[in-house]
C-alpha atoms as a PDB file:
ATOM      1  CA  MET A   1     -15.522 -15.402  30.017  1.00  0.00           C
ATOM      2  CA  SER A   2     -11.848 -14.548  29.770  1.00  0.00           C
ATOM      3  CA  ASN A   3     -10.147 -11.830  31.785  1.00  0.00           C
ATOM      4  CA  ASP A   4      -7.741 -11.212  28.909  1.00  0.00           C
ATOM      5  CA  THR A   5      -7.451  -7.495  28.161  1.00  0.00           C
ATOM      6  CA  SER A   6      -5.018  -7.820  25.261  1.00  0.00           C
ATOM      7  CA  ASP A   7      -5.899  -6.805  21.726  1.00  0.00           C
ATOM      8  CA  SER A   8      -7.903  -9.097  19.486  1.00  0.00           C
ATOM      9  CA  THR A   9      -4.974 -10.737  17.693  1.00  0.00           C
ATOM     10  CA  ASN A  10      -4.607 -14.490  17.685  1.00  0.00           C
ATOM     11  CA  ASP A  11      -0.883 -14.224  18.332  1.00  0.00           C
ATOM     12  CA  PRO A  12       0.255 -13.899  21.923  1.00  0.00           C
ATOM     13  CA  GLN A  13       2.618 -10.940  22.098  1.00  0.00           C
ATOM     14  CA  PRO A  14       5.386 -10.480  24.645  1.00  0.00           C
ATOM     15  CA  LYS A  15       5.169  -7.303  26.704  1.00  0.00           C
ATOM     16  CA  GLU A  16       8.648  -6.054  25.742  1.00  0.00           C
ATOM     17  CA  PHE A  17      10.541  -6.402  22.492  1.00  0.00           C
ATOM     18  CA  SER A  18      14.278  -6.467  22.188  1.00  0.00           C
ATOM     19  CA  PRO A  19      15.877  -4.661  19.241  1.00  0.00           C
ATOM     20  CA  LYS A  20      16.463  -8.068  17.615  1.00  0.00           C
ATOM     21  CA  ASP A  21      12.699  -8.775  17.774  1.00  0.00           C
ATOM     22  CA  TRP A  22      12.148  -5.667  15.642  1.00  0.00           C
ATOM     23  CA  GLY A  23      14.841  -6.691  13.124  1.00  0.00           C
ATOM     24  CA  TYR A  24      17.338  -4.085  14.294  1.00  0.00           C
ATOM     25  CA  ASP A  25      20.095  -6.689  14.061  1.00  0.00           C
ATOM     26  CA  MET A  26      19.829  -6.255  10.273  1.00  0.00           C
ATOM     27  CA  TYR A  27      20.690  -2.563  10.625  1.00  0.00           C
ATOM     28  CA  PRO A  28      23.900  -2.244  12.677  1.00  0.00           C
ATOM     29  CA  GLU A  29      23.874   1.571  12.605  1.00  0.00           C
ATOM     30  CA  ARG A  30      20.539   1.609  14.407  1.00  0.00           C
ATOM     31  CA  GLY A  31      22.245   0.520  17.631  1.00  0.00           C
ATOM     32  CA  GLU A  32      25.706   2.007  17.494  1.00  0.00           C
ATOM     33  CA  LYS A  33      28.147   3.412  14.963  1.00  0.00           C
ATOM     34  CA  PHE A  34      29.107   0.765  12.404  1.00  0.00           C
ATOM     35  CA  LYS A  35      32.792  -0.208  12.592  1.00  0.00           C
ATOM     36  CA  PRO A  36      34.009  -2.724  10.008  1.00  0.00           C
ATOM     37  CA  SER A  37      36.335  -5.465  11.196  1.00  0.00           C
ATOM     38  CA  VAL A  38      39.749  -5.980   9.590  1.00  0.00           C
ATOM     39  CA  GLY A  39      38.301  -8.870   7.556  1.00  0.00           C
ATOM     40  CA  GLN A  40      35.419  -6.721   6.337  1.00  0.00           C
ATOM     41  CA  ILE A  41      37.835  -4.002   5.220  1.00  0.00           C
ATOM     42  CA  PHE A  42      39.603  -6.560   3.009  1.00  0.00           C
ATOM     43  CA  MET A  43      36.201  -7.647   1.648  1.00  0.00           C
ATOM     44  CA  GLY A  44      35.371  -4.144   0.366  1.00  0.00           C
ATOM     45  CA  TYR A  45      34.184  -2.282   3.437  1.00  0.00           C
ATOM     46  CA  GLY A  46      35.694   1.056   4.327  1.00  0.00           C
ATOM     47  CA  ARG A  47      33.924   3.072   1.645  1.00  0.00           C
ATOM     48  CA  GLU A  48      30.824   3.789   3.694  1.00  0.00           C
ATOM     49  CA  ASN A  49      31.017   7.558   3.154  1.00  0.00           C
ATOM     50  CA  ILE A  50      31.162   7.150  -0.642  1.00  0.00           C
ATOM     51  CA  ASP A  51      28.295   4.624  -0.572  1.00  0.00           C
ATOM     52  CA  LYS A  52      26.261   6.967   1.641  1.00  0.00           C
ATOM     53  CA  LEU A  53      26.659   9.876  -0.808  1.00  0.00           C
ATOM     54  CA  GLU A  54      25.694   7.664  -3.769  1.00  0.00           C
ATOM     55  CA  CYS A  55      22.680   6.351  -1.848  1.00  0.00           C
ATOM     56  CA  GLU A  56      21.531   9.850  -0.887  1.00  0.00           C
ATOM     57  CA  GLU A  57      21.885  10.952  -4.517  1.00  0.00           C
ATOM     58  CA  ASN A  58      19.738   8.008  -5.675  1.00  0.00           C
ATOM     59  CA  VAL A  59      17.113   8.786  -3.026  1.00  0.00           C
ATOM     60  CA  TYR A  60      17.014  12.419  -4.156  1.00  0.00           C
ATOM     61  CA  LYS A  61      16.631  11.346  -7.815  1.00  0.00           C
ATOM     62  CA  CYS A  62      13.757   9.023  -6.867  1.00  0.00           C
ATOM     63  CA  PHE A  63      11.917  11.830  -5.077  1.00  0.00           C
ATOM     64  CA  LYS A  64      12.435  14.198  -8.034  1.00  0.00           C
ATOM     65  CA  LYS A  65      11.802  11.819 -10.962  1.00  0.00           C
ATOM     66  CA  SER A  66       9.569   8.924  -9.897  1.00  0.00           C
ATOM     67  CA  PRO A  67       5.809   9.407 -10.348  1.00  0.00           C
ATOM     68  CA  LEU A  68       5.149   6.525  -7.930  1.00  0.00           C
ATOM     69  CA  VAL A  69       7.342   8.009  -5.185  1.00  0.00           C
ATOM     70  CA  LYS A  70       5.674  11.397  -5.745  1.00  0.00           C
ATOM     71  CA  LEU A  71       2.233   9.736  -5.493  1.00  0.00           C
ATOM     72  CA  LEU A  72       3.147   8.054  -2.201  1.00  0.00           C
ATOM     73  CA  MET A  73       4.669  11.269  -0.895  1.00  0.00           C
ATOM     74  CA  GLY A  74       1.410  13.094  -1.697  1.00  0.00           C
ATOM     75  CA  ALA A  75      -0.655  10.355  -0.027  1.00  0.00           C
ATOM     76  CA  LEU A  76       1.483  10.598   3.104  1.00  0.00           C
ATOM     77  CA  LYS A  77       1.139  14.386   3.138  1.00  0.00           C
ATOM     78  CA  ALA A  78      -2.644  14.161   2.676  1.00  0.00           C
ATOM     79  CA  SER A  79      -2.754  11.772   5.661  1.00  0.00           C
ATOM     80  CA  GLY A  80      -0.876  14.236   7.852  1.00  0.00           C
ATOM     81  CA  CYS A  81       2.477  12.467   7.597  1.00  0.00           C
ATOM     82  CA  GLU A  82       4.573  14.702   5.372  1.00  0.00           C
ATOM     83  CA  ILE A  83       8.065  13.406   4.549  1.00  0.00           C
ATOM     84  CA  ASP A  84      11.179  15.447   5.214  1.00  0.00           C
ATOM     85  CA  LEU A  85      14.030  13.735   3.355  1.00  0.00           C
ATOM     86  CA  ARG A  86      16.612  14.718   5.961  1.00  0.00           C
ATOM     87  CA  ARG A  87      14.500  13.408   8.828  1.00  0.00           C
ATOM     88  CA  HIS A  88      12.561  10.445   7.437  1.00  0.00           C
ATOM     89  CA  ILE A  89      15.031   8.782   5.039  1.00  0.00           C
ATOM     90  CA  SER A  90      18.372   7.390   6.178  1.00  0.00           C
ATOM     91  CA  CYS A  91      21.069   5.676   4.103  1.00  0.00           C
ATOM     92  CA  GLU A  92      22.906   3.159   6.284  1.00  0.00           C
ATOM     93  CA  VAL A  93      25.054   0.038   6.197  1.00  0.00           C
ATOM     94  CA  CYS A  94      22.864  -3.055   6.601  1.00  0.00           C
ATOM     95  CA  ASP A  95      23.072  -6.815   6.673  1.00  0.00           C
ATOM     96  CA  LYS A  96      23.656  -8.215   3.179  1.00  0.00           C
ATOM     97  CA  ILE A  97      20.233  -9.889   3.009  1.00  0.00           C
ATOM     98  CA  VAL A  98      18.160  -6.673   3.144  1.00  0.00           C
ATOM     99  CA  THR A  99      17.945  -3.577   0.936  1.00  0.00           C
ATOM    100  CA  GLY A 100      15.983  -1.437   3.345  1.00  0.00           C
ATOM    101  CA  GLY A 101      13.473  -1.266   6.113  1.00  0.00           C
ATOM    102  CA  TYR A 102      10.979   0.871   7.948  1.00  0.00           C
ATOM    103  CA  ASP A 103      11.687   1.847  11.546  1.00  0.00           C
ATOM    104  CA  PRO A 104       8.325   2.518  13.239  1.00  0.00           C
ATOM    105  CA  MET A 105      10.021   3.686  16.447  1.00  0.00           C
ATOM    106  CA  LEU A 106      11.688   6.599  14.627  1.00  0.00           C
ATOM    107  CA  ASN A 107       9.189   6.779  11.733  1.00  0.00           C
ATOM    108  CA  GLN A 108      12.124   6.501   9.369  1.00  0.00           C
ATOM    109  CA  ILE A 109      12.882   4.602   6.169  1.00  0.00           C
ATOM    110  CA  VAL A 110      16.291   2.957   5.982  1.00  0.00           C
ATOM    111  CA  VAL A 111      17.828   2.502   2.528  1.00  0.00           C
ATOM    112  CA  CYS A 112      20.757   0.098   2.689  1.00  0.00           C
ATOM    113  CA  GLN A 113      23.636   1.894   1.046  1.00  0.00           C
ATOM    114  CA  ASN A 114      25.676  -1.309   0.699  1.00  0.00           C
ATOM    115  CA  THR A 115      22.953  -3.420  -0.975  1.00  0.00           C
ATOM    116  CA  ALA A 116      20.489  -1.048  -2.696  1.00  0.00           C
ATOM    117  CA  LYS A 117      23.025   0.203  -5.210  1.00  0.00           C
ATOM    118  CA  GLY A 118      21.769   2.235  -8.134  1.00  0.00           C
ATOM    119  CA  PHE A 119      18.535   4.008  -8.981  1.00  0.00           C
ATOM    120  CA  ASN A 120      16.270   0.965  -9.527  1.00  0.00           C
ATOM    121  CA  PRO A 121      17.057  -0.919  -6.290  1.00  0.00           C
ATOM    122  CA  THR A 122      16.785   2.356  -4.344  1.00  0.00           C
ATOM    123  CA  HIS A 123      13.454   3.111  -6.032  1.00  0.00           C
ATOM    124  CA  GLY A 124      12.053  -0.346  -5.256  1.00  0.00           C
ATOM    125  CA  THR A 125      13.157  -0.059  -1.637  1.00  0.00           C
ATOM    126  CA  LEU A 126      11.687   3.427  -1.217  1.00  0.00           C
ATOM    127  CA  VAL A 127       8.319   2.473  -2.719  1.00  0.00           C
ATOM    128  CA  HIS A 128       8.102  -0.684  -0.609  1.00  0.00           C
ATOM    129  CA  GLU A 129       9.014   1.078   2.633  1.00  0.00           C
ATOM    130  CA  MET A 130       6.827   4.114   1.891  1.00  0.00           C
ATOM    131  CA  VAL A 131       3.818   1.768   1.776  1.00  0.00           C
ATOM    132  CA  HIS A 132       4.736   0.590   5.291  1.00  0.00           C
ATOM    133  CA  MET A 133       5.144   4.210   6.395  1.00  0.00           C
ATOM    134  CA  PHE A 134       1.715   5.055   4.933  1.00  0.00           C
ATOM    135  CA  ASP A 135       0.054   2.066   6.598  1.00  0.00           C
ATOM    136  CA  PHE A 136       1.654   2.955   9.930  1.00  0.00           C
ATOM    137  CA  CYS A 137       0.524   6.587   9.640  1.00  0.00           C
ATOM    138  CA  ARG A 138      -2.933   6.119   8.175  1.00  0.00           C
ATOM    139  CA  HIS A 139      -4.069   2.769   9.543  1.00  0.00           C
ATOM    140  CA  LYS A 140      -2.155   2.639  12.842  1.00  0.00           C
ATOM    141  CA  LEU A 141      -0.348  -0.517  11.724  1.00  0.00           C
ATOM    142  CA  ASP A 142       0.867  -2.770  14.540  1.00  0.00           C
ATOM    143  CA  PHE A 143       4.022  -4.535  13.388  1.00  0.00           C
ATOM    144  CA  ARG A 144       3.669  -7.039  16.260  1.00  0.00           C
ATOM    145  CA  ASN A 145       0.372  -8.255  14.811  1.00  0.00           C
ATOM    146  CA  HIS A 146       1.112 -10.911  12.197  1.00  0.00           C
ATOM    147  CA  SER A 147      -2.090 -10.158  10.281  1.00  0.00           C
ATOM    148  CA  HIS A 148      -1.176  -6.473  10.008  1.00  0.00           C
ATOM    149  CA  LEU A 149       2.356  -7.392   8.976  1.00  0.00           C
ATOM    150  CA  ALA A 150       1.205  -9.819   6.284  1.00  0.00           C
ATOM    151  CA  CYS A 151      -1.262  -7.261   4.927  1.00  0.00           C
ATOM    152  CA  THR A 152       1.276  -4.440   4.668  1.00  0.00           C
ATOM    153  CA  GLU A 153       3.891  -6.760   3.127  1.00  0.00           C
ATOM    154  CA  ILE A 154       1.446  -7.889   0.442  1.00  0.00           C
ATOM    155  CA  ARG A 155       0.435  -4.284  -0.296  1.00  0.00           C
ATOM    156  CA  ALA A 156       4.056  -3.138  -0.465  1.00  0.00           C
ATOM    157  CA  ALA A 157       5.144  -6.081  -2.594  1.00  0.00           C
ATOM    158  CA  ASN A 158       2.200  -5.629  -4.956  1.00  0.00           C
ATOM    159  CA  LEU A 159       2.995  -1.968  -5.537  1.00  0.00           C
ATOM    160  CA  ALA A 160       6.784  -2.186  -5.593  1.00  0.00           C
ATOM    161  CA  HIS A 161       7.615  -5.630  -6.969  1.00  0.00           C
ATOM    162  CA  CYS A 162       4.713  -7.074  -8.988  1.00  0.00           C
ATOM    163  CA  SER A 163       5.527  -5.580 -12.348  1.00  0.00           C
ATOM    164  CA  TYR A 164       6.682  -7.693 -15.278  1.00  0.00           C
ATOM    165  CA  LEU A 165      10.065  -5.939 -15.312  1.00  0.00           C
ATOM    166  CA  SER A 166      10.523  -6.577 -11.603  1.00  0.00           C
ATOM    167  CA  GLY A 167       9.710 -10.255 -12.185  1.00  0.00           C
ATOM    168  CA  ILE A 168      12.345 -10.473 -14.901  1.00  0.00           C
ATOM    169  CA  MET A 169      14.925  -8.823 -12.621  1.00  0.00           C
ATOM    170  CA  HIS A 170      14.125 -11.260  -9.760  1.00  0.00           C
ATOM    171  CA  GLY A 171      14.154 -14.257 -12.130  1.00  0.00           C
ATOM    172  CA  THR A 172      10.552 -15.246 -11.337  1.00  0.00           C
ATOM    173  CA  VAL A 173       9.142 -14.644 -14.848  1.00  0.00           C
ATOM    174  CA  SER A 174       9.936 -16.026 -18.269  1.00  0.00           C
ATOM    175  CA  PRO A 175       9.119 -13.986 -21.400  1.00  0.00           C
ATOM    176  CA  VAL A 176       7.310 -17.089 -22.773  1.00  0.00           C
ATOM    177  CA  ALA A 177       4.502 -17.940 -20.306  1.00  0.00           C
ATOM    178  CA  LEU A 178       4.034 -14.351 -19.364  1.00  0.00           C
ATOM    179  CA  LYS A 179       0.706 -13.814 -17.612  1.00  0.00           C
ATOM    180  CA  GLN A 180       0.123 -17.137 -15.851  1.00  0.00           C
ATOM    181  CA  GLN A 181       3.710 -17.688 -14.798  1.00  0.00           C
ATOM    182  CA  HIS A 182       4.116 -14.213 -13.370  1.00  0.00           C
ATOM    183  CA  ALA A 183       0.936 -14.435 -11.313  1.00  0.00           C
ATOM    184  CA  VAL A 184       1.792 -17.876  -9.893  1.00  0.00           C
ATOM    185  CA  SER A 185       5.509 -17.184  -9.461  1.00  0.00           C
ATOM    186  CA  PHE A 186       5.026 -13.837  -7.804  1.00  0.00           C
ATOM    187  CA  VAL A 187       2.497 -15.084  -5.263  1.00  0.00           C
ATOM    188  CA  SER A 188       4.600 -18.132  -4.336  1.00  0.00           C
ATOM    189  CA  TYR A 189       7.823 -16.085  -4.270  1.00  0.00           C
ATOM    190  CA  GLN A 190       6.299 -13.459  -1.966  1.00  0.00           C
ATOM    191  CA  ARG A 191       4.637 -16.070   0.253  1.00  0.00           C
ATOM    192  CA  ALA A 192       7.953 -17.893   0.657  1.00  0.00           C
ATOM    193  CA  TRP A 193       9.795 -14.635   1.307  1.00  0.00           C
ATOM    194  CA  VAL A 194       7.333 -13.440   3.951  1.00  0.00           C
ATOM    195  CA  SER A 195       7.228 -16.821   5.713  1.00  0.00           C
ATOM    196  CA  THR A 196      11.029 -17.080   5.915  1.00  0.00           C
ATOM    197  CA  THR A 197      11.573 -13.449   6.858  1.00  0.00           C
ATOM    198  CA  TYR A 198       9.121 -13.244   9.763  1.00  0.00           C
END
């Protein structure tokens, strides 16, 4: 019989996690105030305040107009996790490879103001991250458990990214072989994305 008192996951977990282990390196504002370098200023940085206002406007529009965002907001409220836009949603500068994230430490959704530009990318990010927020609130999701992480990613991707229109926008679906191609392409695309991201 083992003396192991850890949880029942198959993955050994370190006792402490650094911010990089949680993906905070993708969100520079999570650690300290973002300051663009001289090179970044020449590459288009320096308009963070304008991007932040546009992002916040898109978030507000999503919460007012999107039936799916309203549904998730109602589900969170019914689970005892009501969303306050000022507290639980943050528009920030992020690494170029992400459009958003969920911060379980602060119970906050990050929308990347420099990559989730426009209503549709903001909407997709909010829906995806709200699923993570719901799972964390309702099901006590453990982001260190790979099984929990895979489950919540599949749920979020299914709700936020598995539509035909989303497939067209990501380039994973052709209008010709509609049903079969979308099902196969989406599953393989998401599997590849999850395996390379985590």
